[in-house]
């Protein structure tokens, strides 16, 4: 059984799962997100609690499912949002 991703996952928790789906280690995820490995571990523990994932394999399956769902989500009409010159 694959754990489900509740809407209650924070953006950072979803980002962490995305990096896990990319095959990164906890230490690599921490460097990429500018966090400590302890914080990455905390995010993953919270995700396990929220989703019912029992181990790292369940987390990986959830991460892959989320990344596939994200890839299938169509962009809004007109493509990705553009940054205005005042935001650069």
PDB file of N, CA and C in Angstrom:
ATOM      1  N   UNK A   1       0.831  -1.179   0.000  1.00  0.00           N
ATOM      2  CA  UNK A   1       0.000   0.000   0.000  1.00  0.00           C
ATOM      3  C   UNK A   1       0.881   1.248   0.000  1.00  0.00           C
ATOM      4  N   UNK A   2       0.576   2.168  -0.882  1.00  0.00           N
ATOM      5  CA  UNK A   2       1.343   3.412  -0.964  1.00  0.00           C
ATOM      6  C   UNK A   2       0.706   4.451  -0.067  1.00  0.00           C
ATOM      7  N   UNK A   3       1.501   5.103   0.792  1.00  0.00           N
ATOM      8  CA  UNK A   3       0.947   6.155   1.634  1.00  0.00           C
ATOM      9  C   UNK A   3       0.416   7.297   0.777  1.00  0.00           C
ATOM     10  N   UNK A   4      -0.563   7.994   1.308  1.00  0.00           N
ATOM     11  CA  UNK A   4      -1.120   9.121   0.559  1.00  0.00           C
ATOM     12  C   UNK A   4      -0.567  10.424   1.098  1.00  0.00           C
ATOM     13  N   UNK A   5      -0.512  11.429   0.238  1.00  0.00           N
ATOM     14  CA  UNK A   5       0.003  12.741   0.624  1.00  0.00           C
ATOM     15  C   UNK A   5      -1.162  13.650   0.976  1.00  0.00           C
ATOM     16  N   UNK A   6      -1.313  13.956   2.247  1.00  0.00           N
ATOM     17  CA  UNK A   6      -2.386  14.872   2.610  1.00  0.00           C
ATOM     18  C   UNK A   6      -2.054  16.299   2.188  1.00  0.00           C
ATOM     19  N   UNK A   7      -3.077  17.086   2.051  1.00  0.00           N
ATOM     20  CA  UNK A   7      -2.878  18.488   1.686  1.00  0.00           C
ATOM     21  C   UNK A   7      -2.139  19.234   2.778  1.00  0.00           C
ATOM     22  N   UNK A   8      -2.022  18.636   3.953  1.00  0.00           N
ATOM     23  CA  UNK A   8      -1.383  19.321   5.076  1.00  0.00           C
ATOM     24  C   UNK A   8       0.139  19.369   4.988  1.00  0.00           C
ATOM     25  N   UNK A   9       0.734  18.770   3.945  1.00  0.00           N
ATOM     26  CA  UNK A   9       2.191  18.867   3.811  1.00  0.00           C
ATOM     27  C   UNK A   9       2.561  20.296   3.464  1.00  0.00           C
ATOM     28  N   UNK A  10       3.560  20.809   4.176  1.00  0.00           N
ATOM     29  CA  UNK A  10       4.026  22.169   3.896  1.00  0.00           C
ATOM     30  C   UNK A  10       4.804  22.191   2.583  1.00  0.00           C
ATOM     31  N   UNK A  11       5.022  23.380   2.066  1.00  0.00           N
ATOM     32  CA  UNK A  11       5.805  23.514   0.838  1.00  0.00           C
ATOM     33  C   UNK A  11       7.207  22.954   1.023  1.00  0.00           C
ATOM     34  N   UNK A  12       7.818  23.204   2.183  1.00  0.00           N
ATOM     35  CA  UNK A  12       9.182  22.702   2.428  1.00  0.00           C
ATOM     36  C   UNK A  12       9.190  21.177   2.542  1.00  0.00           C
ATOM     37  N   UNK A  13       8.132  20.605   3.122  1.00  0.00           N
ATOM     38  CA  UNK A  13       8.050  19.150   3.198  1.00  0.00           C
ATOM     39  C   UNK A  13       7.914  18.571   1.786  1.00  0.00           C
ATOM     40  N   UNK A  14       7.104  19.193   0.951  1.00  0.00           N
ATOM     41  CA  UNK A  14       6.966  18.734  -0.436  1.00  0.00           C
ATOM     42  C   UNK A  14       8.278  18.899  -1.201  1.00  0.00           C
ATOM     43  N   UNK A  15       8.982  19.999  -0.948  1.00  0.00           N
ATOM     44  CA  UNK A  15      10.279  20.213  -1.590  1.00  0.00           C
ATOM     45  C   UNK A  15      11.259  19.128  -1.167  1.00  0.00           C
ATOM     46  N   UNK A  16      11.254  18.789   0.107  1.00  0.00           N
ATOM     47  CA  UNK A  16      12.130  17.735   0.627  1.00  0.00           C
ATOM     48  C   UNK A  16      11.824  16.415  -0.068  1.00  0.00           C
ATOM     49  N   UNK A  17      10.542  16.095  -0.208  1.00  0.00           N
ATOM     50  CA  UNK A  17      10.159  14.864  -0.902  1.00  0.00           C
ATOM     51  C   UNK A  17      10.607  14.887  -2.357  1.00  0.00           C
ATOM     52  N   UNK A  18      10.522  16.043  -2.984  1.00  0.00           N
ATOM     53  CA  UNK A  18      10.971  16.157  -4.369  1.00  0.00           C
ATOM     54  C   UNK A  18      12.445  15.838  -4.517  1.00  0.00           C
ATOM     55  N   UNK A  19      13.246  16.332  -3.593  1.00  0.00           N
ATOM     56  CA  UNK A  19      14.682  16.041  -3.635  1.00  0.00           C
ATOM     57  C   UNK A  19      14.939  14.564  -3.351  1.00  0.00           C
ATOM     58  N   UNK A  20      14.138  13.973  -2.469  1.00  0.00           N
ATOM     59  CA  UNK A  20      14.262  12.548  -2.188  1.00  0.00           C
ATOM     60  C   UNK A  20      13.950  11.740  -3.447  1.00  0.00           C
ATOM     61  N   UNK A  21      12.924  12.159  -4.189  1.00  0.00           N
ATOM     62  CA  UNK A  21      12.564  11.480  -5.446  1.00  0.00           C
ATOM     63  C   UNK A  21      13.678  11.591  -6.473  1.00  0.00           C
ATOM     64  N   UNK A  22      14.465  12.675  -6.396  1.00  0.00           N
ATOM     65  CA  UNK A  22      15.594  12.856  -7.313  1.00  0.00           C
ATOM     66  C   UNK A  22      16.787  11.995  -6.925  1.00  0.00           C
ATOM     67  N   UNK A  23      16.670  11.285  -5.805  1.00  0.00           N
ATOM     68  CA  UNK A  23      17.732  10.374  -5.382  1.00  0.00           C
ATOM     69  C   UNK A  23      18.779  10.993  -4.482  1.00  0.00           C
ATOM     70  N   UNK A  24      18.514  12.183  -3.968  1.00  0.00           N
ATOM     71  CA  UNK A  24      19.496  12.841  -3.106  1.00  0.00           C
ATOM     72  C   UNK A  24      19.516  12.219  -1.710  1.00  0.00           C
ATOM     73  N   UNK A  25      20.674  12.242  -1.088  1.00  0.00           N
ATOM     74  CA  UNK A  25      20.807  11.802   0.293  1.00  0.00           C
ATOM     75  C   UNK A  25      20.307  12.898   1.222  1.00  0.00           C
ATOM     76  N   UNK A  26      20.137  12.560   2.498  1.00  0.00           N
ATOM     77  CA  UNK A  26      19.710  13.566   3.475  1.00  0.00           C
ATOM     78  C   UNK A  26      20.690  14.734   3.491  1.00  0.00           C
ATOM     79  N   UNK A  27      21.994  14.431   3.468  1.00  0.00           N
ATOM     80  CA  UNK A  27      23.008  15.488   3.508  1.00  0.00           C
ATOM     81  C   UNK A  27      22.936  16.366   2.257  1.00  0.00           C
ATOM     82  N   UNK A  28      22.719  15.752   1.107  1.00  0.00           N
ATOM     83  CA  UNK A  28      22.608  16.519  -0.140  1.00  0.00           C
ATOM     84  C   UNK A  28      21.352  17.386  -0.149  1.00  0.00           C
ATOM     85  N   UNK A  29      20.259  16.833   0.374  1.00  0.00           N
ATOM     86  CA  UNK A  29      19.026  17.605   0.482  1.00  0.00           C
ATOM     87  C   UNK A  29      19.263  18.810   1.384  1.00  0.00           C
ATOM     88  N   UNK A  30      19.942  18.589   2.494  1.00  0.00           N
ATOM     89  CA  UNK A  30      20.224  19.670   3.437  1.00  0.00           C
ATOM     90  C   UNK A  30      21.033  20.777   2.769  1.00  0.00           C
ATOM     91  N   UNK A  31      22.063  20.405   2.023  1.00  0.00           N
ATOM     92  CA  UNK A  31      22.876  21.417   1.334  1.00  0.00           C
ATOM     93  C   UNK A  31      22.048  22.172   0.300  1.00  0.00           C
ATOM     94  N   UNK A  32      21.248  21.452  -0.477  1.00  0.00           N
ATOM     95  CA  UNK A  32      20.457  22.081  -1.527  1.00  0.00           C
ATOM     96  C   UNK A  32      19.422  23.049  -0.952  1.00  0.00           C
ATOM     97  N   UNK A  33      18.849  22.703   0.221  1.00  0.00           N
ATOM     98  CA  UNK A  33      17.812  23.540   0.818  1.00  0.00           C
ATOM     99  C   UNK A  33      18.381  24.524   1.841  1.00  0.00           C
ATOM    100  N   UNK A  34      19.712  24.509   2.016  1.00  0.00           N
ATOM    101  CA  UNK A  34      20.382  25.372   2.981  1.00  0.00           C
ATOM    102  C   UNK A  34      19.858  25.127   4.399  1.00  0.00           C
ATOM    103  N   UNK A  35      19.812  23.844   4.772  1.00  0.00           N
ATOM    104  CA  UNK A  35      19.339  23.413   6.080  1.00  0.00           C
ATOM    105  C   UNK A  35      20.370  22.491   6.705  1.00  0.00           C
ATOM    106  N   UNK A  36      20.158  22.168   7.963  1.00  0.00           N
ATOM    107  CA  UNK A  36      20.989  21.148   8.592  1.00  0.00           C
ATOM    108  C   UNK A  36      20.384  19.781   8.282  1.00  0.00           C
ATOM    109  N   UNK A  37      21.206  18.723   8.269  1.00  0.00           N
ATOM    110  CA  UNK A  37      20.661  17.375   8.059  1.00  0.00           C
ATOM    111  C   UNK A  37      19.608  17.022   9.116  1.00  0.00           C
ATOM    112  N   UNK A  38      19.764  17.566  10.316  1.00  0.00           N
ATOM    113  CA  UNK A  38      18.784  17.327  11.380  1.00  0.00           C
ATOM    114  C   UNK A  38      17.412  17.867  10.980  1.00  0.00           C
ATOM    115  N   UNK A  39      17.383  19.038  10.347  1.00  0.00           N
ATOM    116  CA  UNK A  39      16.112  19.630   9.917  1.00  0.00           C
ATOM    117  C   UNK A  39      15.481  18.787   8.816  1.00  0.00           C
ATOM    118  N   UNK A  40      16.286  18.283   7.895  1.00  0.00           N
ATOM    119  CA  UNK A  40      15.775  17.397   6.849  1.00  0.00           C
ATOM    120  C   UNK A  40      15.158  16.164   7.495  1.00  0.00           C
ATOM    121  N   UNK A  41      15.842  15.591   8.469  1.00  0.00           N
ATOM    122  CA  UNK A  41      15.319  14.427   9.179  1.00  0.00           C
ATOM    123  C   UNK A  41      13.993  14.769   9.862  1.00  0.00           C
ATOM    124  N   UNK A  42      13.908  15.950  10.449  1.00  0.00           N
ATOM    125  CA  UNK A  42      12.666  16.387  11.100  1.00  0.00           C
ATOM    126  C   UNK A  42      11.539  16.490  10.081  1.00  0.00           C
ATOM    127  N   UNK A  43      11.814  17.101   8.921  1.00  0.00           N
ATOM    128  CA  UNK A  43      10.800  17.193   7.869  1.00  0.00           C
ATOM    129  C   UNK A  43      10.312  15.802   7.476  1.00  0.00           C
ATOM    130  N   UNK A  44      11.241  14.878   7.282  1.00  0.00           N
ATOM    131  CA  UNK A  44      10.863  13.537   6.850  1.00  0.00           C
ATOM    132  C   UNK A  44      10.103  12.786   7.933  1.00  0.00           C
ATOM    133  N   UNK A  45      10.443  13.004   9.208  1.00  0.00           N
ATOM    134  CA  UNK A  45       9.672  12.409  10.305  1.00  0.00           C
ATOM    135  C   UNK A  45       8.244  12.941  10.310  1.00  0.00           C
ATOM    136  N   UNK A  46       8.096  14.258  10.112  1.00  0.00           N
ATOM    137  CA  UNK A  46       6.760  14.860  10.070  1.00  0.00           C
ATOM    138  C   UNK A  46       5.953  14.322   8.900  1.00  0.00           C
ATOM    139  N   UNK A  47       6.608  14.146   7.755  1.00  0.00           N
ATOM    140  CA  UNK A  47       5.925  13.599   6.583  1.00  0.00           C
ATOM    141  C   UNK A  47       5.449  12.184   6.875  1.00  0.00           C
ATOM    142  N   UNK A  48       6.310  11.381   7.510  1.00  0.00           N
ATOM    143  CA  UNK A  48       5.914  10.011   7.868  1.00  0.00           C
ATOM    144  C   UNK A  48       4.701  10.019   8.786  1.00  0.00           C
ATOM    145  N   UNK A  49       4.690  10.927   9.756  1.00  0.00           N
ATOM    146  CA  UNK A  49       3.549  11.016  10.674  1.00  0.00           C
ATOM    147  C   UNK A  49       2.271  11.408   9.930  1.00  0.00           C
ATOM    148  N   UNK A  50       2.372  12.363   9.015  1.00  0.00           N
ATOM    149  CA  UNK A  50       1.196  12.870   8.301  1.00  0.00           C
ATOM    150  C   UNK A  50       0.661  11.878   7.276  1.00  0.00           C
ATOM    151  N   UNK A  51       1.542  11.059   6.709  1.00  0.00           N
ATOM    152  CA  UNK A  51       1.147  10.188   5.608  1.00  0.00           C
ATOM    153  C   UNK A  51       0.989   8.729   6.000  1.00  0.00           C
ATOM    154  N   UNK A  52       1.538   8.354   7.131  1.00  0.00           N
ATOM    155  CA  UNK A  52       1.497   6.955   7.527  1.00  0.00           C
ATOM    156  C   UNK A  52       2.614   6.135   6.908  1.00  0.00           C
ATOM    157  N   UNK A  53       3.568   6.804   6.268  1.00  0.00           N
ATOM    158  CA  UNK A  53       4.718   6.093   5.694  1.00  0.00           C
ATOM    159  C   UNK A  53       5.509   5.458   6.837  1.00  0.00           C
ATOM    160  N   UNK A  54       5.850   4.181   6.672  1.00  0.00           N
ATOM    161  CA  UNK A  54       6.523   3.471   7.761  1.00  0.00           C
ATOM    162  C   UNK A  54       8.040   3.490   7.661  1.00  0.00           C
ATOM    163  N   UNK A  55       8.571   3.747   6.462  1.00  0.00           N
ATOM    164  CA  UNK A  55      10.019   3.694   6.300  1.00  0.00           C
ATOM    165  C   UNK A  55      10.442   4.530   5.100  1.00  0.00           C
ATOM    166  N   UNK A  56      11.725   4.508   4.807  1.00  0.00           N
ATOM    167  CA  UNK A  56      12.271   5.322   3.717  1.00  0.00           C
ATOM    168  C   UNK A  56      11.729   4.911   2.348  1.00  0.00           C
ATOM    169  N   UNK A  57      11.457   3.626   2.173  1.00  0.00           N
ATOM    170  CA  UNK A  57      10.905   3.150   0.907  1.00  0.00           C
ATOM    171  C   UNK A  57       9.517   3.738   0.677  1.00  0.00           C
ATOM    172  N   UNK A  58       8.693   3.766   1.717  1.00  0.00           N
ATOM    173  CA  UNK A  58       7.375   4.382   1.591  1.00  0.00           C
ATOM    174  C   UNK A  58       7.513   5.873   1.270  1.00  0.00           C
ATOM    175  N   UNK A  59       8.468   6.538   1.903  1.00  0.00           N
ATOM    176  CA  UNK A  59       8.701   7.954   1.610  1.00  0.00           C
ATOM    177  C   UNK A  59       9.094   8.137   0.147  1.00  0.00           C
ATOM    178  N   UNK A  60       9.959   7.273  -0.337  1.00  0.00           N
ATOM    179  CA  UNK A  60      10.402   7.367  -1.722  1.00  0.00           C
ATOM    180  C   UNK A  60       9.233   7.150  -2.690  1.00  0.00           C
ATOM    181  N   UNK A  61       8.387   6.175  -2.401  1.00  0.00           N
ATOM    182  CA  UNK A  61       7.215   5.935  -3.251  1.00  0.00           C
ATOM    183  C   UNK A  61       6.288   7.141  -3.251  1.00  0.00           C
ATOM    184  N   UNK A  62       6.110   7.743  -2.091  1.00  0.00           N
ATOM    185  CA  UNK A  62       5.284   8.943  -1.991  1.00  0.00           C
ATOM    186  C   UNK A  62       5.910  10.088  -2.774  1.00  0.00           C
ATOM    187  N   UNK A  63       7.226  10.237  -2.637  1.00  0.00           N
ATOM    188  CA  UNK A  63       7.941  11.308  -3.337  1.00  0.00           C
ATOM    189  C   UNK A  63       7.802  11.160  -4.847  1.00  0.00           C
ATOM    190  N   UNK A  64       7.940   9.945  -5.334  1.00  0.00           N
ATOM    191  CA  UNK A  64       7.823   9.701  -6.775  1.00  0.00           C
ATOM    192  C   UNK A  64       6.400   9.974  -7.239  1.00  0.00           C
ATOM    193  N   UNK A  65       5.417   9.540  -6.464  1.00  0.00           N
ATOM    194  CA  UNK A  65       4.015   9.782  -6.827  1.00  0.00           C
ATOM    195  C   UNK A  65       3.734  11.279  -6.882  1.00  0.00           C
ATOM    196  N   UNK A  66       4.262  12.028  -5.926  1.00  0.00           N
ATOM    197  CA  UNK A  66       4.054  13.475  -5.922  1.00  0.00           C
ATOM    198  C   UNK A  66       4.742  14.133  -7.104  1.00  0.00           C
ATOM    199  N   UNK A  67       5.951  13.679  -7.445  1.00  0.00           N
ATOM    200  CA  UNK A  67       6.660  14.291  -8.567  1.00  0.00           C
ATOM    201  C   UNK A  67       5.952  13.986  -9.878  1.00  0.00           C
ATOM    202  N   UNK A  68       5.377  12.793 -10.018  1.00  0.00           N
ATOM    203  CA  UNK A  68       4.625  12.456 -11.230  1.00  0.00           C
ATOM    204  C   UNK A  68       3.364  13.298 -11.321  1.00  0.00           C
ATOM    205  N   UNK A  69       2.687  13.510 -10.200  1.00  0.00           N
ATOM    206  CA  UNK A  69       1.488  14.341 -10.177  1.00  0.00           C
ATOM    207  C   UNK A  69       1.842  15.765 -10.554  1.00  0.00           C
ATOM    208  N   UNK A  70       2.973  16.256 -10.040  1.00  0.00           N
ATOM    209  CA  UNK A  70       3.414  17.621 -10.336  1.00  0.00           C
ATOM    210  C   UNK A  70       3.721  17.781 -11.821  1.00  0.00           C
ATOM    211  N   UNK A  71       4.334  16.768 -12.423  1.00  0.00           N
ATOM    212  CA  UNK A  71       4.691  16.832 -13.839  1.00  0.00           C
ATOM    213  C   UNK A  71       3.454  16.835 -14.729  1.00  0.00           C
ATOM    214  N   UNK A  72       2.359  16.198 -14.280  1.00  0.00           N
ATOM    215  CA  UNK A  72       1.149  16.114 -15.082  1.00  0.00           C
ATOM    216  C   UNK A  72       0.274  17.350 -14.947  1.00  0.00           C
ATOM    217  N   UNK A  73       0.558  18.210 -13.984  1.00  0.00           N
ATOM    218  CA  UNK A  73      -0.245  19.406 -13.784  1.00  0.00           C
ATOM    219  C   UNK A  73       0.055  20.397 -14.898  1.00  0.00           C
ATOM    220  N   UNK A  74      -0.963  20.770 -15.685  1.00  0.00           N
ATOM    221  CA  UNK A  74      -0.706  21.689 -16.799  1.00  0.00           C
ATOM    222  C   UNK A  74      -0.400  23.098 -16.313  1.00  0.00           C
ATOM    223  N   UNK A  75       0.386  23.801 -17.096  1.00  0.00           N
ATOM    224  CA  UNK A  75       0.675  25.196 -16.786  1.00  0.00           C
ATOM    225  C   UNK A  75      -0.548  26.045 -17.105  1.00  0.00           C
ATOM    226  N   UNK A  76      -0.697  27.158 -16.419  1.00  0.00           N
ATOM    227  CA  UNK A  76      -1.798  28.051 -16.762  1.00  0.00           C
ATOM    228  C   UNK A  76      -1.660  28.540 -18.197  1.00  0.00           C
ATOM    229  N   UNK A  77      -2.772  28.978 -18.781  1.00  0.00           N
ATOM    230  CA  UNK A  77      -2.740  29.487 -20.159  1.00  0.00           C
ATOM    231  C   UNK A  77      -1.686  30.567 -20.278  1.00  0.00           C
ATOM    232  N   UNK A  78      -0.918  30.512 -21.328  1.00  0.00           N
ATOM    233  CA  UNK A  78       0.128  31.515 -21.527  1.00  0.00           C
ATOM    234  C   UNK A  78       1.475  31.074 -20.986  1.00  0.00           C
ATOM    235  N   UNK A  79       1.564  29.871 -20.418  1.00  0.00           N
ATOM    236  CA  UNK A  79       2.842  29.379 -19.916  1.00  0.00           C
ATOM    237  C   UNK A  79       3.116  29.821 -18.495  1.00  0.00           C
ATOM    238  N   UNK A  80       4.352  29.667 -18.060  1.00  0.00           N
ATOM    239  CA  UNK A  80       4.713  30.027 -16.685  1.00  0.00           C
ATOM    240  C   UNK A  80       4.581  31.523 -16.464  1.00  0.00           C
ATOM    241  N   UNK A  81       4.343  31.907 -15.203  1.00  0.00           N
ATOM    242  CA  UNK A  81       4.234  33.348 -14.932  1.00  0.00           C
ATOM    243  C   UNK A  81       5.551  34.053 -15.194  1.00  0.00           C
ATOM    244  N   UNK A  82       5.468  35.262 -15.669  1.00  0.00           N
ATOM    245  CA  UNK A  82       6.672  36.054 -15.958  1.00  0.00           C
ATOM    246  C   UNK A  82       6.959  36.988 -14.796  1.00  0.00           C
ATOM    247  N   UNK A  83       8.220  37.223 -14.574  1.00  0.00           N
ATOM    248  CA  UNK A  83       8.627  38.158 -13.526  1.00  0.00           C
ATOM    249  C   UNK A  83       8.640  39.564 -14.104  1.00  0.00           C
ATOM    250  N   UNK A  84       8.118  40.465 -13.353  1.00  0.00           N
ATOM    251  CA  UNK A  84       8.170  41.857 -13.824  1.00  0.00           C
ATOM    252  C   UNK A  84       9.550  42.414 -13.541  1.00  0.00           C
ATOM    253  N   UNK A  85       9.896  43.469 -14.223  1.00  0.00           N
ATOM    254  CA  UNK A  85      11.224  44.063 -14.059  1.00  0.00           C
ATOM    255  C   UNK A  85      11.430  44.594 -12.651  1.00  0.00           C
ATOM    256  N   UNK A  86      10.341  44.874 -11.928  1.00  0.00           N
ATOM    257  CA  UNK A  86      10.491  45.387 -10.560  1.00  0.00           C
ATOM    258  C   UNK A  86      10.885  44.298  -9.586  1.00  0.00           C
ATOM    259  N   UNK A  87      10.780  42.999  -9.991  1.00  0.00           N
ATOM    260  CA  UNK A  87      11.108  41.892  -9.106  1.00  0.00           C
ATOM    261  C   UNK A  87      12.539  41.418  -9.290  1.00  0.00           C
ATOM    262  N   UNK A  88      13.273  41.942 -10.228  1.00  0.00           N
ATOM    263  CA  UNK A  88      14.621  41.444 -10.472  1.00  0.00           C
ATOM    264  C   UNK A  88      15.644  42.157  -9.656  1.00  0.00           C
TER     265      UNK A  88
END
